[in-house]
Amino acid sequence: MRVGEVVMSVEKDANLSGDRMKTAAFTANRNRRRSLILALAIFWPLIYVASAPAAPPMDKHYYLPDSAASKIVSVAREGKAAAEVTVLTEAVAIKETGPRQTVAKFGEVYAFSPAFIAVRREAPTMLTFWNLQPDDEHDFMLAAPDSSVLMHLKLQPLTKTSFVFTFHEEGIFNFYCAVHQPEMNGQILVLPAAGAK
């Protein structure tokens, strides 16, 4: 029933006039809103759980390059690589080991090591990420030279995660841990292909 129908119904049935009619319509409308809010509060969790996909292979916030991004960089979970680089997550200042003043002022501080990597265009390179922290998740977000995000990976605590990267364009590609900004970042410099002039 719409607000106008409520007003007409109240006026017709109760033969109310002026302010009393407006008050009755307002009260009826307010009661309907409260009932709707209550119903949503009760049933929203059930609707949300029922519509959730069952065990997705990768969280929707974490992804590998799509078809457009793959023209810039291809990423595979395995494959033959011409080179390999291990990237560590380093705890610079954390609550367990301090320094306390640094943690109090800046929060926990982490870094990628190395923070600079040079690779050749079209040369498959395996990057293996070691998350050395037992209680902190990190992530790896790779951005193209135009700052568009190409991929986003979750790095679980105490895990090694490897991918083979093949860059198809030259330039500087920034990477970040989105969880620990602004300090946890780095760059991949993609040089011309070997033998290119």
C-alpha atoms as a PDB file:
ATOM      1  CA  MET A   1       0.000   0.000   0.000  1.00  0.00           C
ATOM      2  CA  ARG A   2       1.357   3.445  -0.922  1.00  0.00           C
ATOM      3  CA  VAL A   3       1.344   6.524   1.305  1.00  0.00           C
ATOM      4  CA  GLY A   4      -1.448   8.094  -0.736  1.00  0.00           C
ATOM      5  CA  GLU A   5      -3.595   4.997  -0.334  1.00  0.00           C
ATOM      6  CA  VAL A   6      -2.976   5.036   3.435  1.00  0.00           C
ATOM      7  CA  VAL A   7      -4.119   8.663   3.624  1.00  0.00           C
ATOM      8  CA  MET A   8      -7.262   7.943   1.587  1.00  0.00           C
ATOM      9  CA  SER A   9      -8.039   4.861   3.652  1.00  0.00           C
ATOM     10  CA  VAL A  10      -7.613   6.710   6.943  1.00  0.00           C
ATOM     11  CA  GLU A  11      -9.743   9.639   5.751  1.00  0.00           C
ATOM     12  CA  LYS A  12     -12.492   7.372   4.451  1.00  0.00           C
ATOM     13  CA  ASP A  13     -12.668   4.933   7.389  1.00  0.00           C
ATOM     14  CA  ALA A  14     -12.145   7.281  10.292  1.00  0.00           C
ATOM     15  CA  ASN A  15     -13.602  10.391   8.735  1.00  0.00           C
ATOM     16  CA  LEU A  16     -10.631  12.371  10.066  1.00  0.00           C
ATOM     17  CA  SER A  17      -9.861  15.898   9.070  1.00  0.00           C
ATOM     18  CA  GLY A  18      -6.765  18.078   8.621  1.00  0.00           C
ATOM     19  CA  ASP A  19      -3.962  17.519  11.112  1.00  0.00           C
ATOM     20  CA  ARG A  20      -5.436  14.326  12.623  1.00  0.00           C
ATOM     21  CA  MET A  21      -5.489  12.741   9.145  1.00  0.00           C
ATOM     22  CA  LYS A  22      -1.826  13.714   8.516  1.00  0.00           C
ATOM     23  CA  THR A  23      -0.806  12.373  11.938  1.00  0.00           C
ATOM     24  CA  ALA A  24      -2.563   9.071  11.328  1.00  0.00           C
ATOM     25  CA  ALA A  25      -0.934   8.685   7.893  1.00  0.00           C
ATOM     26  CA  PHE A  26       2.498   9.565   9.326  1.00  0.00           C
ATOM     27  CA  THR A  27       2.086   7.012  12.147  1.00  0.00           C
ATOM     28  CA  ALA A  28       0.997   4.265   9.729  1.00  0.00           C
ATOM     29  CA  ASN A  29       3.930   5.039   7.410  1.00  0.00           C
ATOM     30  CA  ARG A  30       6.404   5.091  10.344  1.00  0.00           C
ATOM     31  CA  ASN A  31       5.119   1.724  11.601  1.00  0.00           C
ATOM     32  CA  ARG A  32       5.562   0.188   8.135  1.00  0.00           C
ATOM     33  CA  ARG A  33       9.151   1.516   7.967  1.00  0.00           C
ATOM     34  CA  ARG A  34       9.938   0.067  11.401  1.00  0.00           C
ATOM     35  CA  SER A  35       8.521  -3.312  10.359  1.00  0.00           C
ATOM     36  CA  LEU A  36      10.593  -3.293   7.168  1.00  0.00           C
ATOM     37  CA  ILE A  37      13.784  -2.396   9.060  1.00  0.00           C
ATOM     38  CA  LEU A  38      13.122  -5.118  11.625  1.00  0.00           C
ATOM     39  CA  ALA A  39      12.462  -7.707   8.885  1.00  0.00           C
ATOM     40  CA  LEU A  40      15.690  -6.733   7.087  1.00  0.00           C
ATOM     41  CA  ALA A  41      17.675  -6.941  10.328  1.00  0.00           C
ATOM     42  CA  ILE A  42      16.329 -10.431  11.003  1.00  0.00           C
ATOM     43  CA  PHE A  43      16.495 -11.897   7.501  1.00  0.00           C
ATOM     44  CA  TRP A  44      19.518 -10.106   5.943  1.00  0.00           C
ATOM     45  CA  PRO A  45      22.085 -12.561   7.382  1.00  0.00           C
ATOM     46  CA  LEU A  46      20.044 -15.488   6.024  1.00  0.00           C
ATOM     47  CA  ILE A  47      19.761 -13.888   2.586  1.00  0.00           C
ATOM     48  CA  TYR A  48      23.494 -13.079   2.571  1.00  0.00           C
ATOM     49  CA  VAL A  49      24.552 -16.611   3.577  1.00  0.00           C
ATOM     50  CA  ALA A  50      22.145 -18.251   1.121  1.00  0.00           C
ATOM     51  CA  SER A  51      23.453 -16.160  -1.785  1.00  0.00           C
ATOM     52  CA  ALA A  52      27.172 -16.648  -0.984  1.00  0.00           C
ATOM     53  CA  PRO A  53      29.035 -18.884  -3.414  1.00  0.00           C
ATOM     54  CA  ALA A  54      30.319 -22.149  -2.001  1.00  0.00           C
ATOM     55  CA  ALA A  55      34.107 -22.124  -1.472  1.00  0.00           C
ATOM     56  CA  PRO A  56      35.311 -19.910  -4.328  1.00  0.00           C
ATOM     57  CA  PRO A  57      38.759 -20.784  -5.662  1.00  0.00           C
ATOM     58  CA  MET A  58      40.019 -17.258  -4.993  1.00  0.00           C
ATOM     59  CA  ASP A  59      38.504 -14.402  -2.982  1.00  0.00           C
ATOM     60  CA  LYS A  60      36.871 -11.852  -5.322  1.00  0.00           C
ATOM     61  CA  HIS A  61      39.218  -9.177  -3.980  1.00  0.00           C
ATOM     62  CA  TYR A  62      42.260 -11.170  -5.084  1.00  0.00           C
ATOM     63  CA  TYR A  63      42.814 -11.982  -8.740  1.00  0.00           C
ATOM     64  CA  LEU A  64      45.321 -12.660 -11.473  1.00  0.00           C
ATOM     65  CA  PRO A  65      45.532 -10.481 -14.590  1.00  0.00           C
ATOM     66  CA  ASP A  66      42.431 -10.603 -16.790  1.00  0.00           C
ATOM     67  CA  SER A  67      42.627 -10.855 -20.590  1.00  0.00           C
ATOM     68  CA  ALA A  68      43.312  -7.136 -21.040  1.00  0.00           C
ATOM     69  CA  ALA A  69      45.978  -7.036 -18.310  1.00  0.00           C
ATOM     70  CA  SER A  70      47.564 -10.222 -19.727  1.00  0.00           C
ATOM     71  CA  LYS A  71      48.627  -8.193 -22.759  1.00  0.00           C
ATOM     72  CA  ILE A  72      50.880  -6.298 -20.330  1.00  0.00           C
ATOM     73  CA  VAL A  73      51.909  -9.153 -18.013  1.00  0.00           C
ATOM     74  CA  SER A  74      51.093 -12.868 -18.047  1.00  0.00           C
ATOM     75  CA  VAL A  75      51.036 -14.649 -14.695  1.00  0.00           C
ATOM     76  CA  ALA A  76      50.921 -18.417 -14.213  1.00  0.00           C
ATOM     77  CA  ARG A  77      50.978 -20.538 -11.067  1.00  0.00           C
ATOM     78  CA  GLU A  78      53.711 -22.726 -12.533  1.00  0.00           C
ATOM     79  CA  GLY A  79      55.902 -23.028 -15.574  1.00  0.00           C
ATOM     80  CA  LYS A  80      59.489 -22.838 -16.746  1.00  0.00           C
ATOM     81  CA  ALA A  81      61.247 -19.641 -15.700  1.00  0.00           C
ATOM     82  CA  ALA A  82      64.481 -18.096 -16.971  1.00  0.00           C
ATOM     83  CA  ALA A  83      65.135 -16.532 -13.543  1.00  0.00           C
ATOM     84  CA  GLU A  84      63.816 -16.682  -9.996  1.00  0.00           C
ATOM     85  CA  VAL A  85      63.551 -13.979  -7.338  1.00  0.00           C
ATOM     86  CA  THR A  86      62.534 -14.566  -3.726  1.00  0.00           C
ATOM     87  CA  VAL A  87      60.646 -11.650  -2.170  1.00  0.00           C
ATOM     88  CA  LEU A  88      60.481 -11.636   1.641  1.00  0.00           C
ATOM     89  CA  THR A  89      58.046  -9.780   3.869  1.00  0.00           C
ATOM     90  CA  GLU A  90      60.210  -8.117   6.513  1.00  0.00           C
ATOM     91  CA  ALA A  91      59.105  -6.887   9.908  1.00  0.00           C
ATOM     92  CA  VAL A  92      60.816  -3.522  10.426  1.00  0.00           C
ATOM     93  CA  ALA A  93      58.992  -2.492  13.610  1.00  0.00           C
ATOM     94  CA  ILE A  94      56.322  -4.723  15.146  1.00  0.00           C
ATOM     95  CA  LYS A  95      54.491  -4.894  18.463  1.00  0.00           C
ATOM     96  CA  GLU A  96      56.330  -8.061  19.558  1.00  0.00           C
ATOM     97  CA  THR A  97      59.882  -6.730  19.096  1.00  0.00           C
ATOM     98  CA  GLY A  98      59.516  -2.950  18.828  1.00  0.00           C
ATOM     99  CA  PRO A  99      60.934  -0.439  19.007  1.00  0.00           C
ATOM    100  CA  ARG A 100      57.904   0.521  21.104  1.00  0.00           C
ATOM    101  CA  GLN A 101      58.141   4.253  20.341  1.00  0.00           C
ATOM    102  CA  THR A 102      58.131   3.576  16.595  1.00  0.00           C
ATOM    103  CA  VAL A 103      55.169   1.212  16.817  1.00  0.00           C
ATOM    104  CA  ALA A 104      53.310   3.689  19.057  1.00  0.00           C
ATOM    105  CA  LYS A 105      53.832   6.526  16.571  1.00  0.00           C
ATOM    106  CA  PHE A 106      53.548   4.725  13.202  1.00  0.00           C
ATOM    107  CA  GLY A 107      51.960   1.356  13.930  1.00  0.00           C
ATOM    108  CA  GLU A 108      53.579  -1.832  12.711  1.00  0.00           C
ATOM    109  CA  VAL A 109      55.998  -1.263   9.829  1.00  0.00           C
ATOM    110  CA  TYR A 110      56.768  -3.890   7.180  1.00  0.00           C
ATOM    111  CA  ALA A 111      58.749  -3.949   3.943  1.00  0.00           C
ATOM    112  CA  PHE A 112      59.280  -6.122   0.884  1.00  0.00           C
ATOM    113  CA  SER A 113      62.846  -7.325   0.404  1.00  0.00           C
ATOM    114  CA  PRO A 114      64.085  -6.765  -2.203  1.00  0.00           C
ATOM    115  CA  ALA A 115      62.028  -3.683  -2.940  1.00  0.00           C
ATOM    116  CA  PHE A 116      63.518  -3.350  -6.441  1.00  0.00           C
ATOM    117  CA  ILE A 117      63.572  -6.089  -9.079  1.00  0.00           C
ATOM    118  CA  ALA A 118      64.840  -5.867 -12.668  1.00  0.00           C
ATOM    119  CA  VAL A 119      63.585  -8.319 -15.297  1.00  0.00           C
ATOM    120  CA  ARG A 120      63.675  -8.580 -19.079  1.00  0.00           C
ATOM    121  CA  ARG A 121      60.625  -8.237 -21.306  1.00  0.00           C
ATOM    122  CA  GLU A 122      59.356 -11.639 -22.525  1.00  0.00           C
ATOM    123  CA  ALA A 123      61.639 -13.509 -20.059  1.00  0.00           C
ATOM    124  CA  PRO A 124      59.542 -15.670 -17.698  1.00  0.00           C
ATOM    125  CA  THR A 125      60.589 -14.888 -14.113  1.00  0.00           C
ATOM    126  CA  MET A 126      59.389 -16.778 -11.067  1.00  0.00           C
ATOM    127  CA  LEU A 127      58.644 -14.555  -8.092  1.00  0.00           C
ATOM    128  CA  THR A 128      58.339 -16.481  -4.829  1.00  0.00           C
ATOM    129  CA  PHE A 129      56.828 -14.514  -1.954  1.00  0.00           C
ATOM    130  CA  TRP A 130      57.693 -15.642   1.570  1.00  0.00           C
ATOM    131  CA  ASN A 131      55.376 -14.216   4.208  1.00  0.00           C
ATOM    132  CA  LEU A 132      57.600 -14.623   7.268  1.00  0.00           C
ATOM    133  CA  GLN A 133      55.075 -13.289   9.779  1.00  0.00           C
ATOM    134  CA  PRO A 134      53.137 -15.871  11.815  1.00  0.00           C
ATOM    135  CA  ASP A 135      50.182 -13.584  12.529  1.00  0.00           C
ATOM    136  CA  ASP A 136      50.008 -11.012   9.716  1.00  0.00           C
ATOM    137  CA  GLU A 137      48.531 -11.328   6.252  1.00  0.00           C
ATOM    138  CA  HIS A 138      50.118  -9.349   3.472  1.00  0.00           C
ATOM    139  CA  ASP A 139      49.134  -8.932  -0.141  1.00  0.00           C
ATOM    140  CA  PHE A 140      50.824  -8.172  -3.445  1.00  0.00           C
ATOM    141  CA  MET A 141      49.158  -5.676  -5.742  1.00  0.00           C
ATOM    142  CA  LEU A 142      50.878  -5.009  -9.078  1.00  0.00           C
ATOM    143  CA  ALA A 143      50.209  -1.764 -10.950  1.00  0.00           C
ATOM    144  CA  ALA A 144      50.996  -0.947 -14.577  1.00  0.00           C
ATOM    145  CA  PRO A 145      53.050   2.149 -15.491  1.00  0.00           C
ATOM    146  CA  ASP A 146      49.716   4.017 -15.912  1.00  0.00           C
ATOM    147  CA  SER A 147      48.825   3.011 -12.277  1.00  0.00           C
ATOM    148  CA  SER A 148      46.015   0.632 -13.264  1.00  0.00           C
ATOM    149  CA  VAL A 149      45.932  -2.452 -11.027  1.00  0.00           C
ATOM    150  CA  LEU A 150      46.859  -5.599 -12.944  1.00  0.00           C
ATOM    151  CA  MET A 151      46.592  -8.203 -10.201  1.00  0.00           C
ATOM    152  CA  HIS A 152      46.111  -8.612  -6.446  1.00  0.00           C
ATOM    153  CA  LEU A 153      47.266 -11.648  -4.437  1.00  0.00           C
ATOM    154  CA  LYS A 154      46.816 -12.590  -0.791  1.00  0.00           C
ATOM    155  CA  LEU A 155      49.962 -13.724   1.041  1.00  0.00           C
ATOM    156  CA  GLN A 156      48.881 -15.858   3.996  1.00  0.00           C
ATOM    157  CA  PRO A 157      51.005 -15.950   7.187  1.00  0.00           C
ATOM    158  CA  LEU A 158      53.990 -18.322   7.097  1.00  0.00           C
ATOM    159  CA  THR A 159      53.564 -19.319   3.461  1.00  0.00           C
ATOM    160  CA  LYS A 160      55.522 -19.364   0.227  1.00  0.00           C
ATOM    161  CA  THR A 161      53.557 -18.311  -2.852  1.00  0.00           C
ATOM    162  CA  SER A 162      55.088 -18.598  -6.330  1.00  0.00           C
ATOM    163  CA  PHE A 163      54.016 -17.287  -9.722  1.00  0.00           C
ATOM    164  CA  VAL A 164      55.769 -17.049 -13.083  1.00  0.00           C
ATOM    165  CA  PHE A 165      55.580 -13.488 -14.451  1.00  0.00           C
ATOM    166  CA  THR A 166      56.184 -12.680 -18.120  1.00  0.00           C
ATOM    167  CA  PHE A 167      56.110  -8.953 -18.831  1.00  0.00           C
ATOM    168  CA  HIS A 168      55.157  -7.977 -22.384  1.00  0.00           C
ATOM    169  CA  GLU A 169      55.779  -4.233 -21.964  1.00  0.00           C
ATOM    170  CA  GLU A 170      58.785  -2.314 -20.714  1.00  0.00           C
ATOM    171  CA  GLY A 171      58.593   0.231 -17.931  1.00  0.00           C
ATOM    172  CA  ILE A 172      58.374   0.595 -14.175  1.00  0.00           C
ATOM    173  CA  PHE A 173      55.689  -1.483 -12.453  1.00  0.00           C
ATOM    174  CA  ASN A 174      54.984  -0.533  -8.844  1.00  0.00           C
ATOM    175  CA  PHE A 175      53.886  -3.148  -6.351  1.00  0.00           C
ATOM    176  CA  TYR A 176      52.287  -2.721  -2.946  1.00  0.00           C
ATOM    177  CA  CYS A 177      50.990  -4.458   0.117  1.00  0.00           C
ATOM    178  CA  ALA A 178      47.650  -2.649   0.299  1.00  0.00           C
ATOM    179  CA  VAL A 179      47.304  -3.632   3.970  1.00  0.00           C
ATOM    180  CA  HIS A 180      50.553  -1.926   5.050  1.00  0.00           C
ATOM    181  CA  GLN A 181      50.775   1.406   3.286  1.00  0.00           C
ATOM    182  CA  PRO A 182      52.633   3.638   2.702  1.00  0.00           C
ATOM    183  CA  GLU A 183      55.828   1.790   3.635  1.00  0.00           C
ATOM    184  CA  MET A 184      55.419  -1.679   2.096  1.00  0.00           C
ATOM    185  CA  ASN A 185      55.994  -1.245  -1.619  1.00  0.00           C
ATOM    186  CA  GLY A 186      58.523  -1.727  -4.386  1.00  0.00           C
ATOM    187  CA  GLN A 187      59.185  -1.585  -8.108  1.00  0.00           C
ATOM    188  CA  ILE A 188      59.795  -3.976 -10.966  1.00  0.00           C
ATOM    189  CA  LEU A 189      61.823  -2.476 -13.789  1.00  0.00           C
ATOM    190  CA  VAL A 190      61.129  -4.247 -17.073  1.00  0.00           C
ATOM    191  CA  LEU A 191      64.093  -3.863 -19.414  1.00  0.00           C
ATOM    192  CA  PRO A 192      64.117  -4.564 -23.178  1.00  0.00           C
ATOM    193  CA  ALA A 193      64.189  -8.203 -24.205  1.00  0.00           C
ATOM    194  CA  ALA A 194      67.622  -9.803 -24.348  1.00  0.00           C
ATOM    195  CA  GLY A 195      69.260  -9.035 -27.698  1.00  0.00           C
ATOM    196  CA  ALA A 196      66.822  -6.173 -28.438  1.00  0.00           C
ATOM    197  CA  LYS A 197      68.265  -2.889 -29.676  1.00  0.00           C
END
